[in-house]
N, C-alpha and C. Protein backbone atom coordinates (compact mmCIF):
# COMPACT_ATOMS: atom_id res chain seq x y z
N MET A 1 0.84 -1.18 0.00
CA MET A 1 0.00 0.00 0.00
C MET A 1 0.88 1.23 0.00
N ALA A 2 0.65 2.09 -0.94
CA ALA A 2 1.39 3.34 -1.01
C ALA A 2 0.85 4.29 0.06
N LYS A 3 1.60 5.32 0.31
CA LYS A 3 1.17 6.30 1.29
C LYS A 3 -0.14 6.91 0.81
N SER A 4 -1.17 6.76 1.62
CA SER A 4 -2.49 7.22 1.19
C SER A 4 -2.71 8.67 1.56
N LYS A 5 -3.40 9.36 0.68
CA LYS A 5 -3.74 10.74 0.98
C LYS A 5 -5.04 10.76 1.76
N LYS A 6 -5.25 11.82 2.50
CA LYS A 6 -6.46 11.92 3.30
C LYS A 6 -7.68 12.08 2.40
N ILE A 7 -8.72 11.38 2.77
CA ILE A 7 -9.97 11.42 2.01
C ILE A 7 -11.03 12.05 2.90
N ASP A 8 -11.80 12.97 2.36
CA ASP A 8 -12.90 13.55 3.11
C ASP A 8 -14.13 12.68 2.87
N TYR A 9 -14.35 11.76 3.79
CA TYR A 9 -15.44 10.80 3.62
C TYR A 9 -16.81 11.44 3.68
N SER A 10 -16.91 12.61 4.29
CA SER A 10 -18.22 13.25 4.41
C SER A 10 -18.74 13.74 3.07
N THR A 11 -17.87 13.91 2.08
CA THR A 11 -18.30 14.39 0.77
C THR A 11 -18.68 13.25 -0.16
N LEU A 12 -18.39 12.01 0.23
CA LEU A 12 -18.67 10.86 -0.63
C LEU A 12 -20.12 10.41 -0.49
N SER A 13 -20.66 9.88 -1.56
CA SER A 13 -22.03 9.35 -1.52
C SER A 13 -22.01 7.97 -0.86
N ARG A 14 -23.18 7.47 -0.56
CA ARG A 14 -23.29 6.15 0.09
C ARG A 14 -22.70 5.06 -0.80
N LYS A 15 -22.94 5.17 -2.10
CA LYS A 15 -22.41 4.17 -3.05
C LYS A 15 -20.88 4.20 -3.06
N GLU A 16 -20.32 5.40 -3.05
CA GLU A 16 -18.86 5.53 -3.03
C GLU A 16 -18.27 4.99 -1.72
N LEU A 17 -18.97 5.24 -0.60
CA LEU A 17 -18.50 4.73 0.68
C LEU A 17 -18.50 3.20 0.69
N LEU A 18 -19.55 2.61 0.12
CA LEU A 18 -19.61 1.15 0.06
C LEU A 18 -18.50 0.59 -0.83
N SER A 19 -18.19 1.31 -1.88
CA SER A 19 -17.10 0.92 -2.76
C SER A 19 -15.76 0.97 -2.03
N LYS A 20 -15.54 2.05 -1.28
CA LYS A 20 -14.31 2.18 -0.49
C LYS A 20 -14.22 1.08 0.55
N LEU A 21 -15.35 0.75 1.18
CA LEU A 21 -15.37 -0.30 2.20
C LEU A 21 -14.96 -1.63 1.60
N ALA A 22 -15.49 -1.96 0.44
CA ALA A 22 -15.13 -3.21 -0.23
C ALA A 22 -13.64 -3.22 -0.60
N GLU A 23 -13.15 -2.08 -1.04
CA GLU A 23 -11.73 -1.97 -1.41
C GLU A 23 -10.83 -2.19 -0.19
N PHE A 24 -11.18 -1.56 0.94
CA PHE A 24 -10.37 -1.71 2.14
C PHE A 24 -10.44 -3.14 2.69
N LYS A 25 -11.62 -3.76 2.63
CA LYS A 25 -11.74 -5.14 3.12
C LYS A 25 -10.92 -6.10 2.27
N LYS A 26 -10.91 -5.87 0.97
CA LYS A 26 -10.10 -6.71 0.08
C LYS A 26 -8.62 -6.53 0.39
N GLU A 27 -8.22 -5.28 0.62
CA GLU A 27 -6.82 -5.00 0.95
C GLU A 27 -6.44 -5.66 2.27
N LEU A 28 -7.33 -5.60 3.27
CA LEU A 28 -7.05 -6.22 4.56
C LEU A 28 -6.91 -7.73 4.40
N PHE A 29 -7.76 -8.34 3.58
CA PHE A 29 -7.65 -9.77 3.33
C PHE A 29 -6.28 -10.11 2.74
N ASN A 30 -5.86 -9.32 1.75
CA ASN A 30 -4.56 -9.57 1.13
C ASN A 30 -3.41 -9.39 2.12
N LEU A 31 -3.54 -8.41 3.00
CA LEU A 31 -2.51 -8.19 4.02
C LEU A 31 -2.45 -9.34 5.01
N ARG A 32 -3.62 -9.86 5.40
CA ARG A 32 -3.65 -11.01 6.31
C ARG A 32 -3.00 -12.23 5.65
N PHE A 33 -3.26 -12.40 4.38
CA PHE A 33 -2.68 -13.52 3.64
C PHE A 33 -1.16 -13.37 3.59
N ALA A 34 -0.68 -12.16 3.33
CA ALA A 34 0.76 -11.90 3.28
C ALA A 34 1.39 -12.12 4.65
N LYS A 35 0.69 -11.74 5.71
CA LYS A 35 1.23 -11.93 7.06
C LYS A 35 1.35 -13.41 7.39
N ALA A 36 0.34 -14.18 7.01
CA ALA A 36 0.36 -15.61 7.29
C ALA A 36 1.47 -16.33 6.53
N SER A 37 1.79 -15.85 5.35
CA SER A 37 2.84 -16.48 4.56
C SER A 37 4.21 -15.88 4.85
N GLY A 38 4.28 -14.89 5.75
CA GLY A 38 5.55 -14.31 6.15
C GLY A 38 6.10 -13.29 5.18
N GLU A 39 5.29 -12.77 4.29
CA GLU A 39 5.75 -11.82 3.29
C GLU A 39 5.47 -10.36 3.68
N LEU A 40 4.76 -10.15 4.77
CA LEU A 40 4.38 -8.79 5.16
C LEU A 40 5.57 -8.09 5.81
N GLU A 41 6.03 -7.01 5.18
CA GLU A 41 7.19 -6.28 5.69
C GLU A 41 6.79 -5.15 6.64
N LYS A 42 5.62 -4.58 6.43
CA LYS A 42 5.18 -3.44 7.24
C LYS A 42 3.87 -3.78 7.94
N PRO A 43 3.93 -4.38 9.13
CA PRO A 43 2.69 -4.79 9.80
C PRO A 43 1.81 -3.64 10.24
N PHE A 44 2.36 -2.43 10.36
CA PHE A 44 1.55 -1.28 10.78
C PHE A 44 0.54 -0.88 9.71
N VAL A 45 0.72 -1.37 8.49
CA VAL A 45 -0.22 -1.06 7.41
C VAL A 45 -1.57 -1.70 7.70
N MET A 46 -1.55 -2.87 8.35
CA MET A 46 -2.82 -3.53 8.69
C MET A 46 -3.65 -2.65 9.62
N ARG A 47 -3.00 -2.02 10.57
CA ARG A 47 -3.71 -1.15 11.50
C ARG A 47 -4.34 0.03 10.76
N ALA A 48 -3.60 0.60 9.84
CA ALA A 48 -4.11 1.73 9.07
C ALA A 48 -5.33 1.33 8.25
N VAL A 49 -5.30 0.15 7.65
CA VAL A 49 -6.44 -0.31 6.85
C VAL A 49 -7.65 -0.57 7.74
N ARG A 50 -7.42 -1.19 8.91
CA ARG A 50 -8.53 -1.42 9.84
C ARG A 50 -9.15 -0.10 10.28
N ARG A 51 -8.32 0.90 10.50
CA ARG A 51 -8.85 2.22 10.90
C ARG A 51 -9.62 2.87 9.76
N ASN A 52 -9.16 2.68 8.54
CA ASN A 52 -9.90 3.22 7.40
C ASN A 52 -11.27 2.55 7.28
N ILE A 53 -11.32 1.25 7.52
CA ILE A 53 -12.59 0.53 7.51
C ILE A 53 -13.52 1.11 8.57
N ALA A 54 -12.99 1.36 9.75
CA ALA A 54 -13.80 1.93 10.83
C ALA A 54 -14.31 3.31 10.46
N ARG A 55 -13.47 4.11 9.82
CA ARG A 55 -13.89 5.45 9.40
C ARG A 55 -15.06 5.38 8.41
N VAL A 56 -14.92 4.50 7.43
CA VAL A 56 -15.97 4.36 6.42
C VAL A 56 -17.27 3.89 7.08
N LEU A 57 -17.17 2.91 7.97
CA LEU A 57 -18.37 2.41 8.65
C LEU A 57 -19.02 3.50 9.49
N THR A 58 -18.21 4.33 10.11
CA THR A 58 -18.75 5.44 10.90
C THR A 58 -19.55 6.39 10.03
N PHE A 59 -19.01 6.75 8.87
CA PHE A 59 -19.74 7.66 7.99
C PHE A 59 -20.97 7.00 7.40
N LEU A 60 -20.92 5.70 7.15
CA LEU A 60 -22.11 5.00 6.67
C LEU A 60 -23.21 5.03 7.73
N ASN A 61 -22.83 4.80 8.98
CA ASN A 61 -23.82 4.82 10.06
C ASN A 61 -24.34 6.23 10.29
N MET A 62 -23.50 7.23 10.14
CA MET A 62 -23.95 8.62 10.30
C MET A 62 -24.96 8.98 9.21
N SER A 63 -24.75 8.48 8.02
CA SER A 63 -25.67 8.80 6.93
C SER A 63 -27.02 8.15 7.16
N LYS A 64 -27.05 7.00 7.80
CA LYS A 64 -28.33 6.36 8.14
C LYS A 64 -29.10 7.21 9.14
N VAL A 65 -28.42 7.72 10.14
CA VAL A 65 -29.05 8.49 11.20
C VAL A 65 -29.60 9.80 10.66
N GLU A 66 -28.85 10.44 9.76
CA GLU A 66 -29.28 11.72 9.22
C GLU A 66 -30.55 11.61 8.39
N LYS A 67 -30.75 10.48 7.73
CA LYS A 67 -31.93 10.29 6.87
C LYS A 67 -33.18 10.04 7.66
N VAL A 68 -33.05 9.50 8.88
CA VAL A 68 -34.22 9.15 9.67
C VAL A 68 -34.84 10.35 10.30
């Protein structure tokens, strides 16, 4: 994973947030696979991806609350 730039999740639509969530989950899966096979050089990247997933989920939940 290259150094990621900050994303303003509040400006993204629900569809875009779901797309980002799928992208981050796929990346986390690949990182877990690399860790299990001993190829992961930067384990702190996993934490960053997990935090990105949490951020996206937070904004998805906020969008649900705002609509109600």
